[in-house]
Amino acid sequence: MRLLQIDSSARLSSVSRELTAQFTEEWKRENPGGEVVVRDLAKTPLPLITDEWTYAVHSDPSKLTPEQREVLAISDTLIAELFAADTVVIGVPMYNFSLPWTLKAWIDQVVRIGKTFAYDANGPQGLFTGKKIVIITSRGGSYAAGSPRAQADFQEPYLRHILGFIGAIDNTFIHAENQRPGGELAAPSKTAALEQIHLVAAQ
């Protein structure tokens, strides 16, 4: 068994990092022989999507030049990490109601035609299937379904859609809400998230 832990917070002492680390510890207890791979996006230089990158992606793989292979190297590495994992845990702080740019850059590298999705007569088909994905978010406010702020949640809806697009449909979201420093609800919400992490990691 292999767990891929992905952290995207710019802050090394962030709530999302604390919670992904806790999930990993719980997972290791349940899978003592398992392997953990950590991908820290704050420490991974991710290139911009360029014209050269796009052209290489849509070229015949057998005819790629050495330069094109180099352009796609980090994408190939990140995709290989995904497929090698049985479970993926992703830490996602909310920045401006959405994702950190590091996570969006990672998504742009791994959502790739012919690798994680393809098109057939029925339209797009996800190729990254059979994996369990746990997404742990931290937010300064509360964006629960039915709440006044729910419509401003551009984390969970987007991640559900893009992960489903590549075939990952076994997704569990754990939200640590109200994590604004000094807020009275921060501690209880984090405790609830930790309890949910314990239950999910034990499954």
Protein backbone atom coordinates (compact mmCIF):
# COMPACT_ATOMS: atom_id res chain seq x y z
CA MET A 1 0.00 0.00 0.00
CA ARG A 2 1.20 3.49 -0.81
CA LEU A 3 -0.01 6.88 0.37
CA LEU A 4 0.75 10.08 -1.54
CA GLN A 5 0.58 13.15 0.70
CA ILE A 6 0.27 16.44 -1.18
CA ASP A 7 0.64 19.75 0.69
CA SER A 8 -0.10 23.05 -1.00
CA SER A 9 0.02 25.65 1.76
CA ALA A 10 2.65 28.38 1.54
CA ARG A 11 2.91 28.27 5.35
CA LEU A 12 4.97 25.46 6.85
CA SER A 13 3.01 25.69 10.12
CA SER A 14 -0.42 25.79 8.49
CA VAL A 15 -3.55 24.04 9.69
CA SER A 16 -3.86 22.05 6.47
CA ARG A 17 -0.30 20.72 6.86
CA GLU A 18 -0.98 19.79 10.48
CA LEU A 19 -4.06 17.84 9.41
CA THR A 20 -2.47 16.03 6.45
CA ALA A 21 0.41 15.03 8.74
CA GLN A 22 -2.10 13.66 11.24
CA PHE A 23 -3.89 11.72 8.51
CA THR A 24 -0.57 10.22 7.41
CA GLU A 25 0.27 9.16 10.97
CA GLU A 26 -3.15 7.51 11.32
CA TRP A 27 -2.74 5.82 7.91
CA LYS A 28 0.69 4.49 8.87
CA ARG A 29 -0.74 2.94 12.02
CA GLU A 30 -3.38 1.18 9.94
CA ASN A 31 -0.83 0.21 7.26
CA PRO A 32 2.43 -0.50 9.12
CA GLY A 33 4.08 -1.90 6.02
CA GLY A 34 2.86 0.88 3.77
CA GLU A 35 4.96 3.49 1.99
CA VAL A 36 4.41 7.25 2.23
CA VAL A 37 5.48 9.67 -0.51
CA VAL A 38 5.27 13.39 0.31
CA ARG A 39 4.91 15.98 -2.44
CA ASP A 40 5.32 19.47 -0.97
CA LEU A 41 4.13 21.86 -3.65
CA ALA A 42 5.58 24.86 -1.80
CA LYS A 43 9.01 23.32 -2.42
CA THR A 44 8.35 21.97 -5.92
CA PRO A 45 9.11 24.44 -8.73
CA LEU A 46 6.24 23.92 -11.15
CA PRO A 47 6.67 25.43 -14.62
CA LEU A 48 4.02 27.46 -16.34
CA ILE A 49 1.97 25.88 -19.07
CA THR A 50 3.56 27.19 -22.26
CA ASP A 51 3.05 26.84 -25.99
CA GLU A 52 5.93 24.34 -26.04
CA TRP A 53 4.30 22.28 -23.27
CA THR A 54 0.92 22.24 -25.03
CA TYR A 55 2.47 21.28 -28.35
CA ALA A 56 4.44 18.44 -26.72
CA VAL A 57 1.33 17.11 -24.96
CA HIS A 58 -0.54 16.88 -28.26
CA SER A 59 2.36 15.37 -30.20
CA ASP A 60 2.97 11.70 -30.97
CA PRO A 61 4.80 10.38 -27.87
CA SER A 62 7.10 8.27 -30.05
CA LYS A 63 8.25 11.36 -31.95
CA LEU A 64 8.98 13.73 -29.07
CA THR A 65 12.28 15.55 -29.26
CA PRO A 66 14.66 15.52 -26.27
CA GLU A 67 13.62 19.11 -25.60
CA GLN A 68 9.93 18.18 -25.56
CA ARG A 69 10.60 15.28 -23.21
CA GLU A 70 12.35 17.68 -20.89
CA VAL A 71 9.38 20.07 -21.01
CA LEU A 72 7.06 17.22 -19.95
CA ALA A 73 9.41 15.69 -17.37
CA ILE A 74 7.83 17.18 -14.25
CA SER A 75 4.34 16.35 -15.54
CA ASP A 76 5.41 12.75 -16.15
CA THR A 77 6.86 12.55 -12.63
CA LEU A 78 3.74 13.92 -10.94
CA ILE A 79 1.43 11.65 -12.93
CA ALA A 80 3.57 8.61 -12.11
CA GLU A 81 3.32 9.51 -8.39
CA LEU A 82 -0.46 9.59 -8.67
CA PHE A 83 -0.79 6.24 -10.39
CA ALA A 84 1.65 4.59 -7.96
CA ALA A 85 -0.48 5.59 -4.95
CA ASP A 86 -3.42 3.65 -3.52
CA THR A 87 -4.58 6.60 -1.41
CA VAL A 88 -3.96 10.30 -1.93
CA VAL A 89 -4.39 12.94 0.78
CA ILE A 90 -4.35 16.57 -0.34
CA GLY A 91 -4.05 19.54 2.01
CA VAL A 92 -5.83 22.61 0.67
CA PRO A 93 -5.97 25.96 2.48
CA MET A 94 -8.53 28.41 1.15
CA TYR A 95 -6.89 31.39 -0.54
CA ASN A 96 -9.29 34.05 -1.81
CA PHE A 97 -12.19 31.56 -1.73
CA SER A 98 -10.29 29.08 -3.91
CA LEU A 99 -7.06 27.07 -4.16
CA PRO A 100 -3.44 28.03 -3.66
CA TRP A 101 -1.82 28.68 -7.03
CA THR A 102 0.62 25.83 -6.32
CA LEU A 103 -2.22 23.30 -6.30
CA LYS A 104 -3.75 24.73 -9.47
CA ALA A 105 -0.33 24.50 -11.13
CA TRP A 106 -0.09 20.85 -10.02
CA ILE A 107 -3.57 20.16 -11.43
CA ASP A 108 -2.57 21.69 -14.75
CA GLN A 109 0.41 19.32 -14.90
CA VAL A 110 -1.51 16.13 -14.08
CA VAL A 111 -4.77 16.68 -15.97
CA ARG A 112 -3.31 15.57 -19.27
CA ILE A 113 -4.86 14.01 -22.33
CA GLY A 114 -3.70 10.47 -22.97
CA LYS A 115 -2.41 10.15 -19.42
CA THR A 116 -5.21 10.88 -16.94
CA PHE A 117 -8.10 11.34 -19.36
CA ALA A 118 -8.98 10.51 -22.95
CA TYR A 119 -11.80 11.11 -25.42
CA ASP A 120 -13.90 8.46 -27.10
CA ALA A 121 -17.27 8.41 -28.86
CA ASN A 122 -18.98 9.14 -25.54
CA GLY A 123 -16.82 12.13 -24.69
CA PRO A 124 -14.12 12.50 -22.01
CA GLN A 125 -13.21 9.40 -20.00
CA GLY A 126 -11.13 9.49 -16.81
CA LEU A 127 -8.15 7.14 -16.72
CA PHE A 128 -7.15 7.70 -13.09
CA THR A 129 -9.58 5.26 -11.48
CA GLY A 130 -9.76 2.97 -8.45
CA LYS A 131 -8.01 5.35 -6.04
CA LYS A 132 -9.18 6.82 -2.75
CA ILE A 133 -8.72 10.58 -2.46
CA VAL A 134 -8.99 12.48 0.83
CA ILE A 135 -9.07 16.27 0.56
CA ILE A 136 -8.46 18.18 3.80
CA THR A 137 -9.22 21.89 3.67
CA SER A 138 -8.69 24.74 6.09
CA ARG A 139 -10.79 27.89 5.82
CA GLY A 140 -11.03 31.15 7.73
CA GLY A 141 -14.83 31.06 7.73
CA SER A 142 -17.64 28.54 7.35
CA TYR A 143 -18.82 27.50 3.91
CA ALA A 144 -21.06 24.57 4.82
CA ALA A 145 -23.83 23.59 2.43
CA GLY A 146 -26.89 25.72 3.07
CA SER A 147 -24.94 28.46 4.83
CA PRO A 148 -24.88 32.08 3.59
CA ARG A 149 -21.27 31.63 2.43
CA ALA A 150 -21.74 28.32 0.63
CA GLN A 151 -21.93 29.99 -2.79
CA ALA A 152 -18.44 31.43 -2.24
CA ASP A 153 -16.86 27.98 -1.86
CA PHE A 154 -14.74 27.53 -4.96
CA GLN A 155 -12.67 24.76 -3.37
CA GLU A 156 -14.83 21.67 -3.02
CA PRO A 157 -17.03 22.04 -6.15
CA TYR A 158 -14.01 22.61 -8.39
CA LEU A 159 -11.94 19.81 -6.86
CA ARG A 160 -14.86 17.37 -7.05
CA HIS A 161 -15.32 18.20 -10.71
CA ILE A 162 -11.69 18.12 -11.83
CA LEU A 163 -10.88 14.94 -9.88
CA GLY A 164 -14.00 13.28 -11.27
CA PHE A 165 -12.99 14.40 -14.76
CA ILE A 166 -9.82 12.30 -14.54
CA GLY A 167 -11.71 9.35 -13.05
CA ALA A 168 -11.21 9.84 -9.30
CA ILE A 169 -14.71 9.52 -7.88
CA ASP A 170 -13.97 8.04 -4.43
CA ASN A 171 -13.39 11.43 -2.81
CA THR A 172 -13.80 12.38 0.85
CA PHE A 173 -13.70 16.02 1.95
CA ILE A 174 -12.77 17.01 5.50
CA HIS A 175 -13.15 20.70 6.27
CA ALA A 176 -11.52 22.55 9.16
CA GLU A 177 -13.63 25.68 9.07
CA ASN A 178 -13.51 28.93 11.03
CA GLN A 179 -9.72 28.72 11.31
CA ARG A 180 -9.29 32.47 11.44
CA PRO A 181 -6.61 33.17 14.10
CA GLY A 182 -8.18 33.93 17.45
CA GLY A 183 -11.65 32.80 16.45
CA GLU A 184 -13.69 31.04 19.11
CA LEU A 185 -14.82 28.32 16.71
CA ALA A 186 -11.34 27.43 15.44
CA ALA A 187 -10.49 24.81 18.08
CA PRO A 188 -13.81 22.91 18.00
CA SER A 189 -13.78 22.82 14.20
CA LYS A 190 -10.23 21.49 14.11
CA THR A 191 -11.12 18.88 16.72
CA ALA A 192 -14.08 17.76 14.59
CA ALA A 193 -11.78 17.52 11.55
CA LEU A 194 -9.29 15.42 13.53
CA GLU A 195 -12.07 13.06 14.59
CA GLN A 196 -13.16 12.67 10.98
CA ILE A 197 -9.55 12.07 9.93
CA HIS A 198 -9.32 9.26 12.47
CA LEU A 199 -12.44 7.60 11.08
CA VAL A 200 -11.46 7.97 7.42
CA ALA A 201 -7.88 6.77 7.93
CA ALA A 202 -9.14 3.67 9.71
CA GLN A 203 -11.31 2.64 6.76
